[in-house]
Amino acid sequence: MLDTGERIEVRATVLIGRSPKPADGEGSVQLVPLADDSRSVSKTHLAIMPTRRGLLAVDRGSTNGSAVLRGGVETALAPGQPQPLTTGDGVRFGDRMLRVEQL
């Protein structure tokens, strides 16, 4: 669930940002554009990808970074490196947040 209260069902790769666009050759994706007056969120900031084992978060080379929050510990995402997500995790991207509700 996004910090706006919007829920996003992840059935394919979800790209989140101010004006997200898939990379060349990237298959079917769901685009989630977010209003961001502070411009802390990059155009294509974050990808959330489903796998057989759950979800992965991938920072897409954003300017202000992304991190996973689990058990009170924040772990920065290295650009392009997938990080597994579990139910209850938070993901900070720029000044925004989302929470993994159910896998």
N, C-alpha and C. Protein backbone atom coordinates (compact mmCIF):
# COMPACT_ATOMS: atom_id res chain seq x y z
N MET A 1 0.85 -1.17 0.00
CA MET A 1 0.00 0.00 0.00
C MET A 1 0.89 1.24 0.00
N LEU A 2 0.58 2.18 -0.87
CA LEU A 2 1.34 3.43 -0.93
C LEU A 2 0.96 4.35 0.23
N ASP A 3 1.82 5.31 0.51
CA ASP A 3 1.55 6.26 1.60
C ASP A 3 0.32 7.12 1.34
N THR A 4 -0.22 7.07 0.14
CA THR A 4 -1.46 7.77 -0.20
C THR A 4 -2.69 6.96 0.19
N GLY A 5 -2.47 5.68 0.57
CA GLY A 5 -3.58 4.78 0.86
C GLY A 5 -3.96 3.92 -0.33
N GLU A 6 -3.39 4.22 -1.49
CA GLU A 6 -3.67 3.44 -2.70
C GLU A 6 -3.04 2.06 -2.58
N ARG A 7 -3.82 1.05 -2.94
CA ARG A 7 -3.32 -0.32 -2.95
C ARG A 7 -3.00 -0.73 -4.39
N ILE A 8 -1.89 -1.42 -4.55
CA ILE A 8 -1.47 -1.88 -5.87
C ILE A 8 -1.27 -3.38 -5.80
N GLU A 9 -2.01 -4.11 -6.61
CA GLU A 9 -1.83 -5.55 -6.69
C GLU A 9 -0.71 -5.83 -7.68
N VAL A 10 0.30 -6.54 -7.23
CA VAL A 10 1.48 -6.80 -8.05
C VAL A 10 1.32 -8.15 -8.74
N ARG A 11 0.96 -8.10 -10.03
CA ARG A 11 0.81 -9.31 -10.84
C ARG A 11 1.91 -9.40 -11.89
N ALA A 12 2.50 -8.27 -12.20
CA ALA A 12 3.63 -8.16 -13.14
C ALA A 12 4.53 -7.08 -12.55
N THR A 13 5.64 -6.81 -13.19
CA THR A 13 6.54 -5.77 -12.70
C THR A 13 5.80 -4.44 -12.61
N VAL A 14 5.92 -3.79 -11.45
CA VAL A 14 5.32 -2.48 -11.21
C VAL A 14 6.45 -1.46 -11.19
N LEU A 15 6.34 -0.43 -12.01
CA LEU A 15 7.31 0.67 -12.03
C LEU A 15 6.67 1.88 -11.38
N ILE A 16 7.36 2.43 -10.38
CA ILE A 16 6.84 3.56 -9.61
C ILE A 16 7.76 4.75 -9.80
N GLY A 17 7.17 5.92 -10.04
CA GLY A 17 7.96 7.14 -10.19
C GLY A 17 7.08 8.30 -10.59
N ARG A 18 7.71 9.44 -10.85
CA ARG A 18 6.94 10.62 -11.26
C ARG A 18 6.32 10.41 -12.64
N SER A 19 7.04 9.75 -13.52
CA SER A 19 6.56 9.48 -14.87
C SER A 19 7.24 8.21 -15.38
N PRO A 20 6.91 7.06 -14.76
CA PRO A 20 7.66 5.83 -15.03
C PRO A 20 7.52 5.34 -16.47
N LYS A 21 8.62 4.80 -16.96
CA LYS A 21 8.65 4.22 -18.30
C LYS A 21 9.49 2.95 -18.25
N PRO A 22 9.10 1.92 -18.98
CA PRO A 22 9.90 0.70 -19.01
C PRO A 22 11.19 0.91 -19.80
N ALA A 23 12.20 0.14 -19.46
CA ALA A 23 13.46 0.16 -20.22
C ALA A 23 13.23 -0.55 -21.55
N ASP A 24 14.07 -0.26 -22.53
CA ASP A 24 13.97 -0.94 -23.82
C ASP A 24 14.03 -2.44 -23.61
N GLY A 25 13.09 -3.15 -24.23
CA GLY A 25 13.07 -4.60 -24.16
C GLY A 25 12.40 -5.15 -22.91
N GLU A 26 12.01 -4.26 -21.99
CA GLU A 26 11.33 -4.73 -20.78
C GLU A 26 9.91 -5.12 -21.18
N GLY A 27 9.47 -6.26 -20.71
CA GLY A 27 8.16 -6.78 -21.09
C GLY A 27 7.02 -5.95 -20.56
N SER A 28 5.92 -6.62 -20.35
CA SER A 28 4.70 -5.98 -19.85
C SER A 28 4.91 -5.51 -18.42
N VAL A 29 4.60 -4.25 -18.18
CA VAL A 29 4.77 -3.66 -16.86
C VAL A 29 3.52 -2.86 -16.49
N GLN A 30 3.35 -2.65 -15.20
CA GLN A 30 2.29 -1.78 -14.70
C GLN A 30 2.96 -0.49 -14.26
N LEU A 31 2.50 0.64 -14.78
CA LEU A 31 3.08 1.94 -14.45
C LEU A 31 2.26 2.62 -13.37
N VAL A 32 2.95 3.11 -12.33
CA VAL A 32 2.29 3.81 -11.22
C VAL A 32 2.92 5.19 -11.09
N PRO A 33 2.35 6.19 -11.80
CA PRO A 33 2.86 7.55 -11.66
C PRO A 33 2.40 8.18 -10.35
N LEU A 34 3.31 8.91 -9.69
CA LEU A 34 3.00 9.58 -8.43
C LEU A 34 3.26 11.07 -8.54
N ALA A 35 2.35 11.86 -8.02
CA ALA A 35 2.59 13.29 -7.91
C ALA A 35 3.67 13.49 -6.84
N ASP A 36 4.65 14.34 -7.12
CA ASP A 36 5.73 14.56 -6.17
C ASP A 36 6.26 15.97 -6.34
N ASP A 37 5.63 16.92 -5.67
CA ASP A 37 6.01 18.32 -5.78
C ASP A 37 7.44 18.57 -5.29
N SER A 38 7.91 17.77 -4.35
CA SER A 38 9.27 17.96 -3.83
C SER A 38 10.34 17.40 -4.78
N ARG A 39 9.89 16.62 -5.76
CA ARG A 39 10.78 16.01 -6.76
C ARG A 39 11.84 15.13 -6.11
N SER A 40 11.49 14.48 -5.00
CA SER A 40 12.39 13.52 -4.37
C SER A 40 12.32 12.16 -5.04
N VAL A 41 11.26 11.94 -5.82
CA VAL A 41 11.06 10.68 -6.53
C VAL A 41 11.51 10.87 -7.97
N SER A 42 12.34 9.95 -8.46
CA SER A 42 12.82 10.01 -9.84
C SER A 42 11.70 9.63 -10.81
N LYS A 43 11.93 9.90 -12.09
CA LYS A 43 10.91 9.58 -13.10
C LYS A 43 10.53 8.12 -13.04
N THR A 44 11.49 7.23 -13.08
CA THR A 44 11.27 5.80 -12.86
C THR A 44 12.17 5.42 -11.70
N HIS A 45 11.62 5.44 -10.51
CA HIS A 45 12.40 5.33 -9.28
C HIS A 45 12.60 3.89 -8.81
N LEU A 46 11.52 3.11 -8.84
CA LEU A 46 11.52 1.82 -8.16
C LEU A 46 10.73 0.80 -8.96
N ALA A 47 11.21 -0.44 -8.95
CA ALA A 47 10.46 -1.56 -9.53
C ALA A 47 10.12 -2.54 -8.41
N ILE A 48 8.90 -3.03 -8.43
CA ILE A 48 8.48 -4.11 -7.55
C ILE A 48 8.11 -5.27 -8.47
N MET A 49 8.78 -6.41 -8.26
CA MET A 49 8.62 -7.53 -9.19
C MET A 49 8.16 -8.78 -8.45
N PRO A 50 7.15 -9.47 -9.01
CA PRO A 50 6.72 -10.73 -8.40
C PRO A 50 7.63 -11.87 -8.85
N THR A 51 7.87 -12.81 -7.96
CA THR A 51 8.59 -14.03 -8.28
C THR A 51 7.81 -15.19 -7.67
N ARG A 52 8.24 -16.41 -7.92
CA ARG A 52 7.57 -17.56 -7.32
C ARG A 52 7.70 -17.55 -5.80
N ARG A 53 8.74 -16.92 -5.30
CA ARG A 53 8.99 -16.91 -3.85
C ARG A 53 8.47 -15.66 -3.15
N GLY A 54 7.96 -14.70 -3.89
CA GLY A 54 7.47 -13.46 -3.27
C GLY A 54 7.75 -12.26 -4.14
N LEU A 55 8.09 -11.14 -3.51
CA LEU A 55 8.33 -9.90 -4.24
C LEU A 55 9.78 -9.47 -4.08
N LEU A 56 10.25 -8.75 -5.09
CA LEU A 56 11.57 -8.13 -5.07
C LEU A 56 11.41 -6.63 -5.30
N ALA A 57 12.23 -5.83 -4.62
CA ALA A 57 12.29 -4.39 -4.87
C ALA A 57 13.63 -4.10 -5.54
N VAL A 58 13.60 -3.23 -6.55
CA VAL A 58 14.82 -2.84 -7.26
C VAL A 58 14.81 -1.34 -7.47
N ASP A 59 15.83 -0.66 -6.93
CA ASP A 59 16.00 0.76 -7.21
C ASP A 59 16.46 0.88 -8.66
N ARG A 60 15.85 1.78 -9.41
CA ARG A 60 16.15 1.92 -10.84
C ARG A 60 17.18 3.01 -11.10
N GLY A 61 18.16 3.16 -10.21
CA GLY A 61 19.20 4.16 -10.41
C GLY A 61 18.70 5.55 -10.06
N SER A 62 17.85 5.63 -9.05
CA SER A 62 17.23 6.90 -8.67
C SER A 62 18.25 7.87 -8.08
N THR A 63 17.91 9.14 -8.12
CA THR A 63 18.77 10.19 -7.56
C THR A 63 18.78 10.15 -6.04
N ASN A 64 17.63 9.95 -5.40
CA ASN A 64 17.52 10.03 -3.94
C ASN A 64 17.46 8.68 -3.24
N GLY A 65 17.63 7.60 -3.99
CA GLY A 65 17.75 6.28 -3.38
C GLY A 65 16.47 5.67 -2.87
N SER A 66 16.60 4.40 -2.50
CA SER A 66 15.51 3.60 -1.96
C SER A 66 16.08 2.73 -0.85
N ALA A 67 15.20 2.29 0.04
CA ALA A 67 15.63 1.43 1.15
C ALA A 67 14.47 0.57 1.60
N VAL A 68 14.81 -0.61 2.12
CA VAL A 68 13.83 -1.50 2.73
C VAL A 68 13.91 -1.31 4.23
N LEU A 69 12.75 -1.18 4.88
CA LEU A 69 12.67 -1.06 6.33
C LEU A 69 12.04 -2.34 6.87
N ARG A 70 12.80 -3.05 7.69
CA ARG A 70 12.34 -4.32 8.26
C ARG A 70 12.78 -4.39 9.71
N GLY A 71 11.82 -4.57 10.61
CA GLY A 71 12.14 -4.71 12.02
C GLY A 71 12.89 -3.51 12.59
N GLY A 72 12.57 -2.31 12.12
CA GLY A 72 13.21 -1.10 12.62
C GLY A 72 14.57 -0.80 12.01
N VAL A 73 15.01 -1.65 11.08
CA VAL A 73 16.32 -1.46 10.43
C VAL A 73 16.10 -1.06 8.97
N GLU A 74 16.77 0.02 8.55
CA GLU A 74 16.69 0.47 7.16
C GLU A 74 17.92 -0.01 6.41
N THR A 75 17.69 -0.70 5.28
CA THR A 75 18.77 -1.21 4.44
C THR A 75 18.66 -0.56 3.06
N ALA A 76 19.67 0.22 2.70
CA ALA A 76 19.67 0.90 1.40
C ALA A 76 19.70 -0.12 0.27
N LEU A 77 18.98 0.18 -0.80
CA LEU A 77 19.01 -0.66 -2.00
C LEU A 77 20.11 -0.16 -2.92
N ALA A 78 20.98 -1.06 -3.34
CA ALA A 78 21.97 -0.72 -4.36
C ALA A 78 21.25 -0.70 -5.70
N PRO A 79 21.47 0.34 -6.52
CA PRO A 79 20.77 0.41 -7.80
C PRO A 79 20.95 -0.86 -8.62
N GLY A 80 19.81 -1.36 -9.12
CA GLY A 80 19.83 -2.53 -9.99
C GLY A 80 19.93 -3.86 -9.28
N GLN A 81 20.07 -3.87 -7.95
CA GLN A 81 20.23 -5.11 -7.19
C GLN A 81 18.91 -5.47 -6.50
N PRO A 82 18.29 -6.59 -6.88
CA PRO A 82 17.01 -6.97 -6.27
C PRO A 82 17.15 -7.28 -4.78
N GLN A 83 16.15 -6.85 -4.01
CA GLN A 83 16.09 -7.11 -2.58
C GLN A 83 14.76 -7.79 -2.29
N PRO A 84 14.77 -9.00 -1.70
CA PRO A 84 13.50 -9.67 -1.37
C PRO A 84 12.70 -8.87 -0.35
N LEU A 85 11.38 -8.93 -0.51
CA LEU A 85 10.46 -8.26 0.41
C LEU A 85 9.61 -9.30 1.13
N THR A 86 9.23 -9.01 2.36
CA THR A 86 8.32 -9.86 3.11
C THR A 86 7.15 -9.01 3.61
N THR A 87 6.08 -9.68 3.98
CA THR A 87 4.91 -8.99 4.52
C THR A 87 5.32 -8.13 5.70
N GLY A 88 4.87 -6.89 5.71
CA GLY A 88 5.20 -5.95 6.78
C GLY A 88 6.36 -5.04 6.48
N ASP A 89 7.16 -5.37 5.44
CA ASP A 89 8.28 -4.50 5.07
C ASP A 89 7.77 -3.15 4.60
N GLY A 90 8.56 -2.12 4.86
CA GLY A 90 8.34 -0.81 4.28
C GLY A 90 9.40 -0.60 3.21
N VAL A 91 9.07 0.17 2.20
CA VAL A 91 10.05 0.56 1.19
C VAL A 91 9.99 2.07 1.07
N ARG A 92 11.12 2.72 1.37
CA ARG A 92 11.23 4.16 1.22
C ARG A 92 11.85 4.43 -0.13
N PHE A 93 11.24 5.35 -0.89
CA PHE A 93 11.80 5.77 -2.18
C PHE A 93 11.65 7.28 -2.25
N GLY A 94 12.81 7.98 -2.25
CA GLY A 94 12.77 9.43 -2.10
C GLY A 94 12.13 9.75 -0.76
N ASP A 95 11.16 10.67 -0.76
CA ASP A 95 10.44 11.03 0.47
C ASP A 95 9.14 10.24 0.63
N ARG A 96 8.94 9.24 -0.19
CA ARG A 96 7.68 8.47 -0.19
C ARG A 96 7.90 7.10 0.43
N MET A 97 6.78 6.42 0.74
CA MET A 97 6.82 5.10 1.36
C MET A 97 5.74 4.20 0.77
N LEU A 98 6.02 2.91 0.83
CA LEU A 98 4.99 1.92 0.59
C LEU A 98 5.19 0.81 1.61
N ARG A 99 4.15 0.04 1.86
CA ARG A 99 4.22 -1.07 2.81
C ARG A 99 3.70 -2.33 2.12
N VAL A 100 4.43 -3.43 2.30
CA VAL A 100 4.01 -4.72 1.76
C VAL A 100 2.98 -5.30 2.72
N GLU A 101 1.77 -5.50 2.22
CA GLU A 101 0.69 -5.94 3.10
C GLU A 101 0.53 -7.45 3.13
N GLN A 102 0.65 -8.12 2.00
CA GLN A 102 0.42 -9.55 1.97
C GLN A 102 1.12 -10.14 0.77
N LEU A 103 1.74 -11.30 0.96
CA LEU A 103 2.37 -12.01 -0.15
C LEU A 103 1.59 -13.25 -0.47
